[in-house]
Amino acid sequence: MTPELTYLAYSIILLFVIVFIQASSGIRQHGGVTMANNRDNLPAPNAFAARAKRNVDNMRENLWFFAPGVLIAAIAGISNQWTILGAQVFFFARVAHAITYLTGWPFIRPLFWFAGVIGCALIFLALFGILV
């Protein structure tokens, strides 16, 4: 498995972790029995549960930029210092983004989001032969 695919796998594991955090926050707020039911009339989530949901949504959205680039690189047999760096930057930026999102730290969180975008850009620039 290429390093890029390894970081894609790590990113999926990260998604599982933050989904678990989101689910746990719902259980803490509403209780396990309530969350095991249909949840039609839940009250609004508390601040942490709302942040956890937005964090999961944001990770899902960003995986749509990262995963195709990594998969295209794998299929095309492209793996170089730029694709590897892009995958590393994306993954570690997403870890930092999740931490800052869940803790509610303002201003720095968008910088980590942008770093993840840069990681994706590195991969695509390498795919198009701009970074060799």
C-alpha atoms as a PDB file:
ATOM      1  CA  MET A   1       0.000   0.000   0.000  1.00  0.00           C
ATOM      2  CA  THR A   2       1.304   3.427  -0.914  1.00  0.00           C
ATOM      3  CA  PRO A   3       1.882   6.046   1.778  1.00  0.00           C
ATOM      4  CA  GLU A   4      -0.970   8.091   0.315  1.00  0.00           C
ATOM      5  CA  LEU A   5      -3.406   5.179   0.687  1.00  0.00           C
ATOM      6  CA  THR A   6      -2.151   4.661   4.232  1.00  0.00           C
ATOM      7  CA  TYR A   7      -2.999   8.279   5.056  1.00  0.00           C
ATOM      8  CA  LEU A   8      -6.402   7.812   3.420  1.00  0.00           C
ATOM      9  CA  ALA A   9      -6.970   4.836   5.738  1.00  0.00           C
ATOM     10  CA  TYR A  10      -5.832   6.942   8.704  1.00  0.00           C
ATOM     11  CA  SER A  11      -8.272   9.658   7.644  1.00  0.00           C
ATOM     12  CA  ILE A  12     -11.146   7.157   7.573  1.00  0.00           C
ATOM     13  CA  ILE A  13     -10.150   6.008  11.057  1.00  0.00           C
ATOM     14  CA  LEU A  14     -10.152   9.663  12.134  1.00  0.00           C
ATOM     15  CA  LEU A  15     -13.680   9.976  10.733  1.00  0.00           C
ATOM     16  CA  PHE A  16     -14.740   6.946  12.806  1.00  0.00           C
ATOM     17  CA  VAL A  17     -13.227   8.535  15.918  1.00  0.00           C
ATOM     18  CA  ILE A  18     -14.982  11.866  15.466  1.00  0.00           C
ATOM     19  CA  VAL A  19     -18.287  10.120  14.631  1.00  0.00           C
ATOM     20  CA  PHE A  20     -17.889   8.188  17.886  1.00  0.00           C
ATOM     21  CA  ILE A  21     -17.276  11.454  19.743  1.00  0.00           C
ATOM     22  CA  GLN A  22     -20.396  12.932  18.160  1.00  0.00           C
ATOM     23  CA  ALA A  23     -22.503   9.886  19.066  1.00  0.00           C
ATOM     24  CA  SER A  24     -21.143   9.883  22.611  1.00  0.00           C
ATOM     25  CA  SER A  25     -22.006  13.550  23.037  1.00  0.00           C
ATOM     26  CA  GLY A  26     -25.592  12.815  21.999  1.00  0.00           C
ATOM     27  CA  ILE A  27     -25.811   9.953  24.463  1.00  0.00           C
ATOM     28  CA  ARG A  28     -24.380  12.131  27.251  1.00  0.00           C
ATOM     29  CA  GLN A  29     -26.900  14.860  26.525  1.00  0.00           C
ATOM     30  CA  HIS A  30     -30.041  12.802  25.877  1.00  0.00           C
ATOM     31  CA  GLY A  31     -29.330   9.352  27.292  1.00  0.00           C
ATOM     32  CA  GLY A  32     -28.814   6.025  25.575  1.00  0.00           C
ATOM     33  CA  VAL A  33     -32.470   4.992  25.448  1.00  0.00           C
ATOM     34  CA  THR A  34     -33.499   8.254  23.802  1.00  0.00           C
ATOM     35  CA  MET A  35     -30.692   8.022  21.253  1.00  0.00           C
ATOM     36  CA  ALA A  36     -31.563   4.383  20.514  1.00  0.00           C
ATOM     37  CA  ASN A  37     -35.113   5.416  19.555  1.00  0.00           C
ATOM     38  CA  ASN A  38     -36.185   7.325  16.459  1.00  0.00           C
ATOM     39  CA  ARG A  39     -35.031  10.748  17.808  1.00  0.00           C
ATOM     40  CA  ASP A  40     -37.865  12.596  16.076  1.00  0.00           C
ATOM     41  CA  ASN A  41     -38.401  15.245  18.747  1.00  0.00           C
ATOM     42  CA  LEU A  42     -34.984  15.798  20.274  1.00  0.00           C
ATOM     43  CA  PRO A  43     -34.312  19.175  21.851  1.00  0.00           C
ATOM     44  CA  ALA A  44     -31.545  21.257  20.316  1.00  0.00           C
ATOM     45  CA  PRO A  45     -28.063  19.873  20.940  1.00  0.00           C
ATOM     46  CA  ASN A  46     -25.833  21.534  23.506  1.00  0.00           C
ATOM     47  CA  ALA A  47     -22.815  23.513  22.291  1.00  0.00           C
ATOM     48  CA  PHE A  48     -20.404  20.569  22.325  1.00  0.00           C
ATOM     49  CA  ALA A  49     -22.805  18.196  20.551  1.00  0.00           C
ATOM     50  CA  ALA A  50     -23.486  20.824  17.890  1.00  0.00           C
ATOM     51  CA  ARG A  51     -19.743  21.373  17.368  1.00  0.00           C
ATOM     52  CA  ALA A  52     -19.199  17.611  17.186  1.00  0.00           C
ATOM     53  CA  LYS A  53     -21.844  17.316  14.450  1.00  0.00           C
ATOM     54  CA  ARG A  54     -20.356  20.199  12.466  1.00  0.00           C
ATOM     55  CA  ASN A  55     -16.926  18.621  12.869  1.00  0.00           C
ATOM     56  CA  VAL A  56     -18.157  15.321  11.411  1.00  0.00           C
ATOM     57  CA  ASP A  57     -19.930  17.110   8.563  1.00  0.00           C
ATOM     58  CA  ASN A  58     -16.799  19.104   7.797  1.00  0.00           C
ATOM     59  CA  MET A  59     -14.618  15.983   7.756  1.00  0.00           C
ATOM     60  CA  ARG A  60     -17.025  14.222   5.392  1.00  0.00           C
ATOM     61  CA  GLU A  61     -17.028  17.206   3.060  1.00  0.00           C
ATOM     62  CA  ASN A  62     -13.242  17.407   3.012  1.00  0.00           C
ATOM     63  CA  LEU A  63     -12.816  13.696   2.380  1.00  0.00           C
ATOM     64  CA  TRP A  64     -14.563  14.315  -0.951  1.00  0.00           C
ATOM     65  CA  PHE A  65     -11.547  16.399  -1.985  1.00  0.00           C
ATOM     66  CA  PHE A  66      -8.882  14.133  -0.526  1.00  0.00           C
ATOM     67  CA  ALA A  67     -10.032  10.585  -1.273  1.00  0.00           C
ATOM     68  CA  PRO A  68     -10.476  10.954  -5.056  1.00  0.00           C
ATOM     69  CA  GLY A  69      -7.044  12.517  -5.414  1.00  0.00           C
ATOM     70  CA  VAL A  70      -5.400   9.694  -3.492  1.00  0.00           C
ATOM     71  CA  LEU A  71      -7.354   7.035  -5.386  1.00  0.00           C
ATOM     72  CA  ILE A  72      -6.573   8.604  -8.768  1.00  0.00           C
ATOM     73  CA  ALA A  73      -2.899   8.755  -7.823  1.00  0.00           C
ATOM     74  CA  ALA A  74      -2.970   5.079  -6.811  1.00  0.00           C
ATOM     75  CA  ILE A  75      -4.682   4.000 -10.038  1.00  0.00           C
ATOM     76  CA  ALA A  76      -2.348   6.130 -12.155  1.00  0.00           C
ATOM     77  CA  GLY A  77       0.699   4.838 -10.293  1.00  0.00           C
ATOM     78  CA  ILE A  78       1.712   8.326  -9.199  1.00  0.00           C
ATOM     79  CA  SER A  79       3.466   8.514  -5.865  1.00  0.00           C
ATOM     80  CA  ASN A  80       6.133  11.100  -5.260  1.00  0.00           C
ATOM     81  CA  GLN A  81       7.286  13.470  -2.549  1.00  0.00           C
ATOM     82  CA  TRP A  82       4.437  15.880  -3.368  1.00  0.00           C
ATOM     83  CA  THR A  83       1.605  13.363  -3.199  1.00  0.00           C
ATOM     84  CA  ILE A  84       3.025  11.936   0.016  1.00  0.00           C
ATOM     85  CA  LEU A  85       3.487  15.406   1.510  1.00  0.00           C
ATOM     86  CA  GLY A  86      -0.047  16.342   0.456  1.00  0.00           C
ATOM     87  CA  ALA A  87      -1.484  13.262   2.157  1.00  0.00           C
ATOM     88  CA  GLN A  88       0.507  13.915   5.316  1.00  0.00           C
ATOM     89  CA  VAL A  89      -0.471  17.587   5.425  1.00  0.00           C
ATOM     90  CA  PHE A  90      -4.139  16.706   4.886  1.00  0.00           C
ATOM     91  CA  PHE A  91      -4.216  14.071   7.616  1.00  0.00           C
ATOM     92  CA  PHE A  92      -2.367  16.028  10.306  1.00  0.00           C
ATOM     93  CA  ALA A  93      -4.268  19.212   9.461  1.00  0.00           C
ATOM     94  CA  ARG A  94      -7.546  17.289   9.869  1.00  0.00           C
ATOM     95  CA  VAL A  95      -6.419  15.946  13.260  1.00  0.00           C
ATOM     96  CA  ALA A  96      -5.581  19.491  14.374  1.00  0.00           C
ATOM     97  CA  HIS A  97      -8.830  20.786  12.866  1.00  0.00           C
ATOM     98  CA  ALA A  98     -10.882  18.192  14.781  1.00  0.00           C
ATOM     99  CA  ILE A  99      -9.159  19.046  18.056  1.00  0.00           C
ATOM    100  CA  THR A 100      -9.615  22.785  17.619  1.00  0.00           C
ATOM    101  CA  TYR A 101     -13.218  22.338  16.467  1.00  0.00           C
ATOM    102  CA  LEU A 102     -14.180  20.146  19.423  1.00  0.00           C
ATOM    103  CA  THR A 103     -12.462  22.394  21.946  1.00  0.00           C
ATOM    104  CA  GLY A 104     -14.070  25.497  20.444  1.00  0.00           C
ATOM    105  CA  TRP A 105     -10.845  27.381  19.762  1.00  0.00           C
ATOM    106  CA  PRO A 106     -11.638  30.286  17.452  1.00  0.00           C
ATOM    107  CA  PHE A 107      -9.525  31.737  14.646  1.00  0.00           C
ATOM    108  CA  ILE A 108      -6.932  28.932  14.479  1.00  0.00           C
ATOM    109  CA  ARG A 109      -9.403  26.270  13.279  1.00  0.00           C
ATOM    110  CA  PRO A 110      -9.801  27.781   9.781  1.00  0.00           C
ATOM    111  CA  LEU A 111      -6.014  27.757   9.394  1.00  0.00           C
ATOM    112  CA  PHE A 112      -5.987  23.992   9.900  1.00  0.00           C
ATOM    113  CA  TRP A 113      -8.874  23.648   7.451  1.00  0.00           C
ATOM    114  CA  PHE A 114      -6.890  25.648   4.894  1.00  0.00           C
ATOM    115  CA  ALA A 115      -3.796  23.497   5.502  1.00  0.00           C
ATOM    116  CA  GLY A 116      -5.904  20.438   4.603  1.00  0.00           C
ATOM    117  CA  VAL A 117      -6.979  22.149   1.382  1.00  0.00           C
ATOM    118  CA  ILE A 118      -3.327  22.833   0.587  1.00  0.00           C
ATOM    119  CA  GLY A 119      -2.586  19.134   1.129  1.00  0.00           C
ATOM    120  CA  CYS A 120      -5.273  18.233  -1.413  1.00  0.00           C
ATOM    121  CA  ALA A 121      -3.923  20.849  -3.817  1.00  0.00           C
ATOM    122  CA  LEU A 122      -0.434  19.329  -3.610  1.00  0.00           C
ATOM    123  CA  ILE A 123      -1.846  15.953  -4.615  1.00  0.00           C
ATOM    124  CA  PHE A 124      -3.778  17.348  -7.567  1.00  0.00           C
ATOM    125  CA  LEU A 125      -0.872  19.500  -8.726  1.00  0.00           C
ATOM    126  CA  ALA A 126       1.281  16.366  -8.748  1.00  0.00           C
ATOM    127  CA  LEU A 127      -1.423  14.444 -10.642  1.00  0.00           C
ATOM    128  CA  PHE A 128      -1.430  17.070 -13.384  1.00  0.00           C
ATOM    129  CA  GLY A 129       2.374  17.050 -13.577  1.00  0.00           C
ATOM    130  CA  ILE A 130       2.772  20.582 -12.239  1.00  0.00           C
ATOM    131  CA  LEU A 131       4.688  19.327  -9.196  1.00  0.00           C
ATOM    132  CA  VAL A 132       7.102  16.577 -10.125  1.00  0.00           C
END
